[in-house]
Amino acid sequence: MPFVNIRVTKENNEPTTEQKQRLIAGVTQLVAEILGRNKASIVVIIDEVDTDNYGLGGETITNLRVKSSMNQE
C-alpha cells in the first residue's frame, strides 16, 4: 500500500479544503499511474505545520516572518 505524506505550512487560511482535496486527488492519480497501483490502496496524508512548530537558524518561522515584515516597513 503506497503511503504519501505531504507537509505544508498552515497560515492565512491556506491550504484551503479545496486545495487539499486537489492535492489528494492529484497525488493519488500520479502514484497510481507511475506505480501501477489501485487508487483504493493509496493513502495520502496532509500534515499542516503551524509556523510556531518549525524553525530556521534557531528561531521559529513565525518570529522570522515578524522580523522580516518589520524590516520591510
PDB file of N, CA and C in Angstrom:
ATOM      1  N   MET A   1       0.850  -1.173   0.000  1.00  0.00           N
ATOM      2  CA  MET A   1       0.000   0.000   0.000  1.00  0.00           C
ATOM      3  C   MET A   1       0.895   1.234   0.000  1.00  0.00           C
ATOM      4  N   PRO A   2       0.843   2.043  -1.054  1.00  0.00           N
ATOM      5  CA  PRO A   2       1.616   3.296  -1.061  1.00  0.00           C
ATOM      6  C   PRO A   2       1.084   4.274  -0.015  1.00  0.00           C
ATOM      7  N   PHE A   3       2.005   4.908   0.648  1.00  0.00           N
ATOM      8  CA  PHE A   3       1.695   5.866   1.709  1.00  0.00           C
ATOM      9  C   PHE A   3       2.452   7.146   1.389  1.00  0.00           C
ATOM     10  N   VAL A   4       1.728   8.234   1.152  1.00  0.00           N
ATOM     11  CA  VAL A   4       2.347   9.511   0.796  1.00  0.00           C
ATOM     12  C   VAL A   4       2.011  10.531   1.873  1.00  0.00           C
ATOM     13  N   ASN A   5       3.032  11.213   2.368  1.00  0.00           N
ATOM     14  CA  ASN A   5       2.824  12.228   3.387  1.00  0.00           C
ATOM     15  C   ASN A   5       3.272  13.568   2.822  1.00  0.00           C
ATOM     16  N   ILE A   6       2.368  14.543   2.847  1.00  0.00           N
ATOM     17  CA  ILE A   6       2.653  15.892   2.354  1.00  0.00           C
ATOM     18  C   ILE A   6       2.630  16.830   3.555  1.00  0.00           C
ATOM     19  N   ARG A   7       3.654  17.652   3.676  1.00  0.00           N
ATOM     20  CA  ARG A   7       3.684  18.643   4.748  1.00  0.00           C
ATOM     21  C   ARG A   7       3.624  20.030   4.136  1.00  0.00           C
ATOM     22  N   VAL A   8       2.699  20.833   4.645  1.00  0.00           N
ATOM     23  CA  VAL A   8       2.543  22.206   4.173  1.00  0.00           C
ATOM     24  C   VAL A   8       2.422  23.123   5.378  1.00  0.00           C
ATOM     25  N   THR A   9       2.812  24.379   5.193  1.00  0.00           N
ATOM     26  CA  THR A   9       2.659  25.321   6.287  1.00  0.00           C
ATOM     27  C   THR A   9       1.200  25.738   6.391  1.00  0.00           C
ATOM     28  N   LYS A  10       0.764  25.925   7.609  1.00  0.00           N
ATOM     29  CA  LYS A  10      -0.607  26.321   7.898  1.00  0.00           C
ATOM     30  C   LYS A  10      -0.596  27.803   8.246  1.00  0.00           C
ATOM     31  N   GLU A  11      -1.058  28.619   7.311  1.00  0.00           N
ATOM     32  CA  GLU A  11      -1.065  30.052   7.562  1.00  0.00           C
ATOM     33  C   GLU A  11      -2.057  30.748   6.646  1.00  0.00           C
ATOM     34  N   ASN A  12      -2.638  31.804   7.147  1.00  0.00           N
ATOM     35  CA  ASN A  12      -3.547  32.647   6.367  1.00  0.00           C
ATOM     36  C   ASN A  12      -4.624  31.847   5.637  1.00  0.00           C
ATOM     37  N   ASN A  13      -5.264  30.914   6.339  1.00  0.00           N
ATOM     38  CA  ASN A  13      -6.354  30.114   5.773  1.00  0.00           C
ATOM     39  C   ASN A  13      -5.919  29.255   4.595  1.00  0.00           C
ATOM     40  N   GLU A  14      -4.650  28.931   4.518  1.00  0.00           N
ATOM     41  CA  GLU A  14      -4.168  28.045   3.465  1.00  0.00           C
ATOM     42  C   GLU A  14      -3.468  26.859   4.090  1.00  0.00           C
ATOM     43  N   PRO A  15      -3.509  25.721   3.479  1.00  0.00           N
ATOM     44  CA  PRO A  15      -4.258  25.427   2.280  1.00  0.00           C
ATOM     45  C   PRO A  15      -5.748  25.302   2.577  1.00  0.00           C
ATOM     46  N   THR A  16      -6.539  25.617   1.578  1.00  0.00           N
ATOM     47  CA  THR A  16      -7.988  25.515   1.734  1.00  0.00           C
ATOM     48  C   THR A  16      -8.408  24.054   1.622  1.00  0.00           C
ATOM     49  N   THR A  17      -9.630  23.765   1.998  1.00  0.00           N
ATOM     50  CA  THR A  17     -10.166  22.411   1.873  1.00  0.00           C
ATOM     51  C   THR A  17     -10.128  21.971   0.414  1.00  0.00           C
ATOM     52  N   GLU A  18     -10.465  22.865  -0.492  1.00  0.00           N
ATOM     53  CA  GLU A  18     -10.438  22.541  -1.922  1.00  0.00           C
ATOM     54  C   GLU A  18      -9.012  22.222  -2.388  1.00  0.00           C
ATOM     55  N   GLN A  19      -8.038  23.009  -1.948  1.00  0.00           N
ATOM     56  CA  GLN A  19      -6.650  22.757  -2.333  1.00  0.00           C
ATOM     57  C   GLN A  19      -6.174  21.405  -1.810  1.00  0.00           C
ATOM     58  N   LYS A  20      -6.542  21.080  -0.577  1.00  0.00           N
ATOM     59  CA  LYS A  20      -6.148  19.791  -0.017  1.00  0.00           C
ATOM     60  C   LYS A  20      -6.790  18.644  -0.786  1.00  0.00           C
ATOM     61  N   GLN A  21      -8.055  18.795  -1.154  1.00  0.00           N
ATOM     62  CA  GLN A  21      -8.730  17.759  -1.932  1.00  0.00           C
ATOM     63  C   GLN A  21      -8.042  17.566  -3.276  1.00  0.00           C
ATOM     64  N   ARG A  22      -7.651  18.665  -3.910  1.00  0.00           N
ATOM     65  CA  ARG A  22      -6.960  18.579  -5.201  1.00  0.00           C
ATOM     66  C   ARG A  22      -5.594  17.913  -5.055  1.00  0.00           C
ATOM     67  N   LEU A  23      -4.877  18.223  -3.978  1.00  0.00           N
ATOM     68  CA  LEU A  23      -3.596  17.562  -3.718  1.00  0.00           C
ATOM     69  C   LEU A  23      -3.791  16.053  -3.548  1.00  0.00           C
ATOM     70  N   ILE A  24      -4.764  15.663  -2.758  1.00  0.00           N
ATOM     71  CA  ILE A  24      -5.024  14.242  -2.517  1.00  0.00           C
ATOM     72  C   ILE A  24      -5.381  13.537  -3.821  1.00  0.00           C
ATOM     73  N   ALA A  25      -6.271  14.129  -4.598  1.00  0.00           N
ATOM     74  CA  ALA A  25      -6.681  13.520  -5.862  1.00  0.00           C
ATOM     75  C   ALA A  25      -5.510  13.451  -6.849  1.00  0.00           C
ATOM     76  N   GLY A  26      -4.754  14.536  -6.954  1.00  0.00           N
ATOM     77  CA  GLY A  26      -3.648  14.580  -7.901  1.00  0.00           C
ATOM     78  C   GLY A  26      -2.526  13.619  -7.557  1.00  0.00           C
ATOM     79  N   VAL A  27      -2.148  13.572  -6.287  1.00  0.00           N
ATOM     80  CA  VAL A  27      -1.084  12.671  -5.853  1.00  0.00           C
ATOM     81  C   VAL A  27      -1.538  11.218  -6.006  1.00  0.00           C
ATOM     82  N   THR A  28      -2.784  10.941  -5.671  1.00  0.00           N
ATOM     83  CA  THR A  28      -3.314   9.586  -5.836  1.00  0.00           C
ATOM     84  C   THR A  28      -3.229   9.158  -7.292  1.00  0.00           C
ATOM     85  N   GLN A  29      -3.651  10.023  -8.196  1.00  0.00           N
ATOM     86  CA  GLN A  29      -3.613   9.722  -9.624  1.00  0.00           C
ATOM     87  C   GLN A  29      -2.169   9.480 -10.096  1.00  0.00           C
ATOM     88  N   LEU A  30      -1.269  10.329  -9.678  1.00  0.00           N
ATOM     89  CA  LEU A  30       0.132  10.215 -10.079  1.00  0.00           C
ATOM     90  C   LEU A  30       0.757   8.911  -9.591  1.00  0.00           C
ATOM     91  N   VAL A  31       0.530   8.576  -8.333  1.00  0.00           N
ATOM     92  CA  VAL A  31       1.075   7.334  -7.778  1.00  0.00           C
ATOM     93  C   VAL A  31       0.468   6.128  -8.493  1.00  0.00           C
ATOM     94  N   ALA A  32      -0.826   6.176  -8.770  1.00  0.00           N
ATOM     95  CA  ALA A  32      -1.483   5.074  -9.481  1.00  0.00           C
ATOM     96  C   ALA A  32      -0.874   4.881 -10.868  1.00  0.00           C
ATOM     97  N   GLU A  33      -0.631   5.988 -11.574  1.00  0.00           N
ATOM     98  CA  GLU A  33      -0.056   5.903 -12.917  1.00  0.00           C
ATOM     99  C   GLU A  33       1.380   5.405 -12.891  1.00  0.00           C
ATOM    100  N   ILE A  34       2.194   5.961 -12.012  1.00  0.00           N
ATOM    101  CA  ILE A  34       3.620   5.631 -12.011  1.00  0.00           C
ATOM    102  C   ILE A  34       3.896   4.250 -11.419  1.00  0.00           C
ATOM    103  N   LEU A  35       3.234   3.922 -10.320  1.00  0.00           N
ATOM    104  CA  LEU A  35       3.495   2.641  -9.660  1.00  0.00           C
ATOM    105  C   LEU A  35       2.538   1.539 -10.102  1.00  0.00           C
ATOM    106  N   GLY A  36       1.512   1.905 -10.874  1.00  0.00           N
ATOM    107  CA  GLY A  36       0.551   0.910 -11.340  1.00  0.00           C
ATOM    108  C   GLY A  36      -0.288   0.323 -10.224  1.00  0.00           C
ATOM    109  N   ARG A  37      -0.589   1.131  -9.227  1.00  0.00           N
ATOM    110  CA  ARG A  37      -1.372   0.656  -8.082  1.00  0.00           C
ATOM    111  C   ARG A  37      -2.832   1.069  -8.200  1.00  0.00           C
ATOM    112  N   ASN A  38      -3.668   0.334  -7.519  1.00  0.00           N
ATOM    113  CA  ASN A  38      -5.087   0.646  -7.440  1.00  0.00           C
ATOM    114  C   ASN A  38      -5.257   1.888  -6.572  1.00  0.00           C
ATOM    115  N   LYS A  39      -6.015   2.855  -7.046  1.00  0.00           N
ATOM    116  CA  LYS A  39      -6.224   4.096  -6.286  1.00  0.00           C
ATOM    117  C   LYS A  39      -6.772   3.829  -4.889  1.00  0.00           C
ATOM    118  N   ALA A  40      -7.576   2.800  -4.754  1.00  0.00           N
ATOM    119  CA  ALA A  40      -8.196   2.496  -3.456  1.00  0.00           C
ATOM    120  C   ALA A  40      -7.172   2.094  -2.406  1.00  0.00           C
ATOM    121  N   SER A  41      -5.961   1.742  -2.830  1.00  0.00           N
ATOM    122  CA  SER A  41      -4.955   1.312  -1.866  1.00  0.00           C
ATOM    123  C   SER A  41      -3.940   2.405  -1.532  1.00  0.00           C
ATOM    124  N   ILE A  42      -4.131   3.591  -2.097  1.00  0.00           N
ATOM    125  CA  ILE A  42      -3.166   4.682  -1.911  1.00  0.00           C
ATOM    126  C   ILE A  42      -3.625   5.600  -0.780  1.00  0.00           C
ATOM    127  N   VAL A  43      -2.753   5.782   0.198  1.00  0.00           N
ATOM    128  CA  VAL A  43      -3.048   6.643   1.339  1.00  0.00           C
ATOM    129  C   VAL A  43      -2.280   7.951   1.171  1.00  0.00           C
ATOM    130  N   VAL A  44      -2.984   9.077   1.277  1.00  0.00           N
ATOM    131  CA  VAL A  44      -2.348  10.393   1.224  1.00  0.00           C
ATOM    132  C   VAL A  44      -2.714  11.126   2.504  1.00  0.00           C
ATOM    133  N   ILE A  45      -1.696  11.589   3.217  1.00  0.00           N
ATOM    134  CA  ILE A  45      -1.915  12.351   4.451  1.00  0.00           C
ATOM    135  C   ILE A  45      -1.291  13.723   4.277  1.00  0.00           C
ATOM    136  N   ILE A  46      -2.048  14.740   4.643  1.00  0.00           N
ATOM    137  CA  ILE A  46      -1.541  16.111   4.606  1.00  0.00           C
ATOM    138  C   ILE A  46      -1.372  16.583   6.034  1.00  0.00           C
ATOM    139  N   ASP A  47      -0.139  16.913   6.389  1.00  0.00           N
ATOM    140  CA  ASP A  47       0.151  17.488   7.698  1.00  0.00           C
ATOM    141  C   ASP A  47       0.278  18.994   7.522  1.00  0.00           C
ATOM    142  N   GLU A  48      -0.479  19.726   8.307  1.00  0.00           N
ATOM    143  CA  GLU A  48      -0.371  21.185   8.298  1.00  0.00           C
ATOM    144  C   GLU A  48       0.488  21.596   9.482  1.00  0.00           C
ATOM    145  N   VAL A  49       1.590  22.258   9.192  1.00  0.00           N
ATOM    146  CA  VAL A  49       2.548  22.629  10.216  1.00  0.00           C
ATOM    147  C   VAL A  49       2.417  24.119  10.518  1.00  0.00           C
ATOM    148  N   ASP A  50       2.088  24.427  11.755  1.00  0.00           N
ATOM    149  CA  ASP A  50       1.993  25.811  12.193  1.00  0.00           C
ATOM    150  C   ASP A  50       3.386  26.425  12.201  1.00  0.00           C
ATOM    151  N   THR A  51       3.486  27.683  11.847  1.00  0.00           N
ATOM    152  CA  THR A  51       4.800  28.332  11.765  1.00  0.00           C
ATOM    153  C   THR A  51       5.491  28.459  13.118  1.00  0.00           C
ATOM    154  N   ASP A  52       4.770  28.234  14.211  1.00  0.00           N
ATOM    155  CA  ASP A  52       5.397  28.189  15.537  1.00  0.00           C
ATOM    156  C   ASP A  52       6.076  26.840  15.787  1.00  0.00           C
ATOM    157  N   ASN A  53       5.787  25.860  14.941  1.00  0.00           N
ATOM    158  CA  ASN A  53       6.254  24.498  15.186  1.00  0.00           C
ATOM    159  C   ASN A  53       7.435  24.067  14.327  1.00  0.00           C
ATOM    160  N   TYR A  54       8.072  25.010  13.658  1.00  0.00           N
ATOM    161  CA  TYR A  54       9.328  24.702  12.980  1.00  0.00           C
ATOM    162  C   TYR A  54      10.146  25.967  12.879  1.00  0.00           C
ATOM    163  N   GLY A  55      11.441  25.785  12.697  1.00  0.00           N
ATOM    164  CA  GLY A  55      12.302  26.954  12.723  1.00  0.00           C
ATOM    165  C   GLY A  55      13.471  26.837  11.769  1.00  0.00           C
ATOM    166  N   LEU A  56      14.198  27.925  11.691  1.00  0.00           N
ATOM    167  CA  LEU A  56      15.369  28.028  10.842  1.00  0.00           C
ATOM    168  C   LEU A  56      16.383  28.886  11.576  1.00  0.00           C
ATOM    169  N   GLY A  57      17.591  28.406  11.677  1.00  0.00           N
ATOM    170  CA  GLY A  57      18.642  29.176  12.340  1.00  0.00           C
ATOM    171  C   GLY A  57      18.378  29.459  13.805  1.00  0.00           C
ATOM    172  N   GLY A  58      17.632  28.583  14.455  1.00  0.00           N
ATOM    173  CA  GLY A  58      17.386  28.738  15.886  1.00  0.00           C
ATOM    174  C   GLY A  58      16.174  29.579  16.244  1.00  0.00           C
ATOM    175  N   GLU A  59      15.420  30.027  15.263  1.00  0.00           N
ATOM    176  CA  GLU A  59      14.221  30.822  15.530  1.00  0.00           C
ATOM    177  C   GLU A  59      13.022  30.217  14.828  1.00  0.00           C
ATOM    178  N   THR A  60      11.836  30.418  15.418  1.00  0.00           N
ATOM    179  CA  THR A  60      10.640  29.930  14.752  1.00  0.00           C
ATOM    180  C   THR A  60      10.397  30.737  13.481  1.00  0.00           C
ATOM    181  N   ILE A  61       9.718  30.109  12.563  1.00  0.00           N
ATOM    182  CA  ILE A  61       9.377  30.793  11.321  1.00  0.00           C
ATOM    183  C   ILE A  61       8.467  31.982  11.615  1.00  0.00           C
ATOM    184  N   THR A  62       7.600  31.850  12.609  1.00  0.00           N
ATOM    185  CA  THR A  62       6.735  32.975  12.995  1.00  0.00           C
ATOM    186  C   THR A  62       7.583  34.188  13.338  1.00  0.00           C
ATOM    187  N   ASN A  63       8.598  33.995  14.197  1.00  0.00           N
ATOM    188  CA  ASN A  63       9.454  35.116  14.592  1.00  0.00           C
ATOM    189  C   ASN A  63      10.228  35.680  13.408  1.00  0.00           C
ATOM    190  N   LEU A  64      10.735  34.811  12.561  1.00  0.00           N
ATOM    191  CA  LEU A  64      11.476  35.282  11.386  1.00  0.00           C
ATOM    192  C   LEU A  64      10.592  36.121  10.464  1.00  0.00           C
ATOM    193  N   ARG A  65       9.357  35.703  10.306  1.00  0.00           N
ATOM    194  CA  ARG A  65       8.452  36.466   9.438  1.00  0.00           C
ATOM    195  C   ARG A  65       8.072  37.801  10.054  1.00  0.00           C
ATOM    196  N   VAL A  66       7.917  37.838  11.375  1.00  0.00           N
ATOM    197  CA  VAL A  66       7.638  39.111  12.051  1.00  0.00           C
ATOM    198  C   VAL A  66       8.810  40.062  11.841  1.00  0.00           C
ATOM    199  N   LYS A  67      10.023  39.562  12.039  1.00  0.00           N
ATOM    200  CA  LYS A  67      11.208  40.394  11.852  1.00  0.00           C
ATOM    201  C   LYS A  67      11.307  40.877  10.399  1.00  0.00           C
ATOM    202  N   SER A  68      11.022  40.009   9.467  1.00  0.00           N
ATOM    203  CA  SER A  68      11.089  40.354   8.056  1.00  0.00           C
ATOM    204  C   SER A  68      10.088  41.444   7.699  1.00  0.00           C
ATOM    205  N   SER A  69       8.862  41.328   8.233  1.00  0.00           N
ATOM    206  CA  SER A  69       7.843  42.331   7.930  1.00  0.00           C
ATOM    207  C   SER A  69       8.183  43.679   8.573  1.00  0.00           C
ATOM    208  N   MET A  70       8.836  43.644   9.740  1.00  0.00           N
ATOM    209  CA  MET A  70       9.250  44.889  10.400  1.00  0.00           C
ATOM    210  C   MET A  70      10.355  45.573   9.593  1.00  0.00           C
ATOM    211  N   ASN A  71      11.221  44.778   8.984  1.00  0.00           N
ATOM    212  CA  ASN A  71      12.318  45.343   8.166  1.00  0.00           C
ATOM    213  C   ASN A  71      11.811  45.926   6.864  1.00  0.00           C
ATOM    214  N   GLN A  72      10.661  45.449   6.390  1.00  0.00           N
ATOM    215  CA  GLN A  72      10.101  45.941   5.127  1.00  0.00           C
ATOM    216  C   GLN A  72       9.353  47.254   5.312  1.00  0.00           C
ATOM    217  N   GLU A  73       9.005  47.571   6.538  1.00  0.00           N
ATOM    218  CA  GLU A  73       8.225  48.798   6.791  1.00  0.00           C
ATOM    219  C   GLU A  73       9.080  50.026   6.758  1.00  0.00           C
TER     220      GLU A  73
END
